[in-house]
């Protein structure tokens, strides 16, 4: 059985968790960009669809 100091050193040098955190940060940035884009485009799309609906109701 390894001593506690050796286990702590192994834990500190393990890089597998860092990769998972990096992927989570990338996914967060992509989702933030999608939300920001959808929020910015939303009012323009609403106006477009209101014009389409007004044209169909004639």
C-alpha atoms as a PDB file:
ATOM      1  CA  UNK A   1       0.000   0.000   0.000  1.00  0.00           C
ATOM      2  CA  UNK A   2       1.314   3.433  -0.948  1.00  0.00           C
ATOM      3  CA  UNK A   3       2.009   6.027   1.706  1.00  0.00           C
ATOM      4  CA  UNK A   4      -0.341   8.977   1.871  1.00  0.00           C
ATOM      5  CA  UNK A   5       2.348  11.365   0.541  1.00  0.00           C
ATOM      6  CA  UNK A   6       2.810   9.238  -2.590  1.00  0.00           C
ATOM      7  CA  UNK A   7      -0.961   9.109  -3.158  1.00  0.00           C
ATOM      8  CA  UNK A   8      -1.176  12.896  -2.791  1.00  0.00           C
ATOM      9  CA  UNK A   9       1.655  13.366  -5.321  1.00  0.00           C
ATOM     10  CA  UNK A  10      -0.058  11.020  -7.764  1.00  0.00           C
ATOM     11  CA  UNK A  11      -3.309  12.952  -7.358  1.00  0.00           C
ATOM     12  CA  UNK A  12      -1.610  16.319  -7.966  1.00  0.00           C
ATOM     13  CA  UNK A  13       0.125  15.068 -11.110  1.00  0.00           C
ATOM     14  CA  UNK A  14      -2.999  13.463 -12.604  1.00  0.00           C
ATOM     15  CA  UNK A  15      -4.083  15.487 -15.666  1.00  0.00           C
ATOM     16  CA  UNK A  16      -7.254  13.597 -16.626  1.00  0.00           C
ATOM     17  CA  UNK A  17      -9.505  15.980 -14.718  1.00  0.00           C
ATOM     18  CA  UNK A  18      -7.978  19.007 -16.417  1.00  0.00           C
ATOM     19  CA  UNK A  19      -9.056  17.718 -19.824  1.00  0.00           C
ATOM     20  CA  UNK A  20     -12.640  17.254 -18.655  1.00  0.00           C
ATOM     21  CA  UNK A  21     -12.699  20.777 -17.249  1.00  0.00           C
ATOM     22  CA  UNK A  22     -11.344  22.163 -20.529  1.00  0.00           C
ATOM     23  CA  UNK A  23     -14.093  20.425 -22.488  1.00  0.00           C
ATOM     24  CA  UNK A  24     -16.709  21.797 -20.086  1.00  0.00           C
ATOM     25  CA  UNK A  25     -15.338  25.309 -20.549  1.00  0.00           C
ATOM     26  CA  UNK A  26     -15.454  24.939 -24.347  1.00  0.00           C
ATOM     27  CA  UNK A  27     -19.062  23.704 -24.168  1.00  0.00           C
ATOM     28  CA  UNK A  28     -19.944  26.638 -21.895  1.00  0.00           C
ATOM     29  CA  UNK A  29     -18.420  29.169 -24.311  1.00  0.00           C
ATOM     30  CA  UNK A  30     -20.269  27.648 -27.283  1.00  0.00           C
ATOM     31  CA  UNK A  31     -23.592  27.666 -25.410  1.00  0.00           C
ATOM     32  CA  UNK A  32     -23.001  31.264 -24.294  1.00  0.00           C
ATOM     33  CA  UNK A  33     -22.363  32.284 -27.917  1.00  0.00           C
ATOM     34  CA  UNK A  34     -25.559  30.504 -29.042  1.00  0.00           C
ATOM     35  CA  UNK A  35     -27.660  32.188 -26.364  1.00  0.00           C
ATOM     36  CA  UNK A  36     -26.173  35.594 -27.130  1.00  0.00           C
ATOM     37  CA  UNK A  37     -26.760  35.138 -30.852  1.00  0.00           C
ATOM     38  CA  UNK A  38     -30.326  33.949 -30.377  1.00  0.00           C
ATOM     39  CA  UNK A  39     -31.064  36.881 -28.092  1.00  0.00           C
ATOM     40  CA  UNK A  40     -29.681  39.336 -30.640  1.00  0.00           C
ATOM     41  CA  UNK A  41     -31.499  37.785 -33.610  1.00  0.00           C
ATOM     42  CA  UNK A  42     -34.816  37.210 -31.793  1.00  0.00           C
ATOM     43  CA  UNK A  43     -36.402  40.645 -32.250  1.00  0.00           C
ATOM     44  CA  UNK A  44     -35.529  40.742 -35.960  1.00  0.00           C
ATOM     45  CA  UNK A  45     -37.063  37.304 -36.501  1.00  0.00           C
ATOM     46  CA  UNK A  46     -40.168  38.300 -34.594  1.00  0.00           C
ATOM     47  CA  UNK A  47     -40.672  41.286 -36.881  1.00  0.00           C
ATOM     48  CA  UNK A  48     -40.161  39.115 -39.949  1.00  0.00           C
ATOM     49  CA  UNK A  49     -42.716  36.532 -38.850  1.00  0.00           C
ATOM     50  CA  UNK A  50     -45.218  39.223 -37.895  1.00  0.00           C
ATOM     51  CA  UNK A  51     -44.925  40.571 -41.469  1.00  0.00           C
ATOM     52  CA  UNK A  52     -45.432  37.078 -42.850  1.00  0.00           C
ATOM     53  CA  UNK A  53     -48.491  36.544 -40.646  1.00  0.00           C
ATOM     54  CA  UNK A  54     -49.920  39.902 -41.696  1.00  0.00           C
ATOM     55  CA  UNK A  55     -49.398  38.975 -45.348  1.00  0.00           C
ATOM     56  CA  UNK A  56     -51.128  35.618 -44.918  1.00  0.00           C
ATOM     57  CA  UNK A  57     -54.159  37.086 -43.192  1.00  0.00           C
ATOM     58  CA  UNK A  58     -55.067  39.208 -46.224  1.00  0.00           C
END
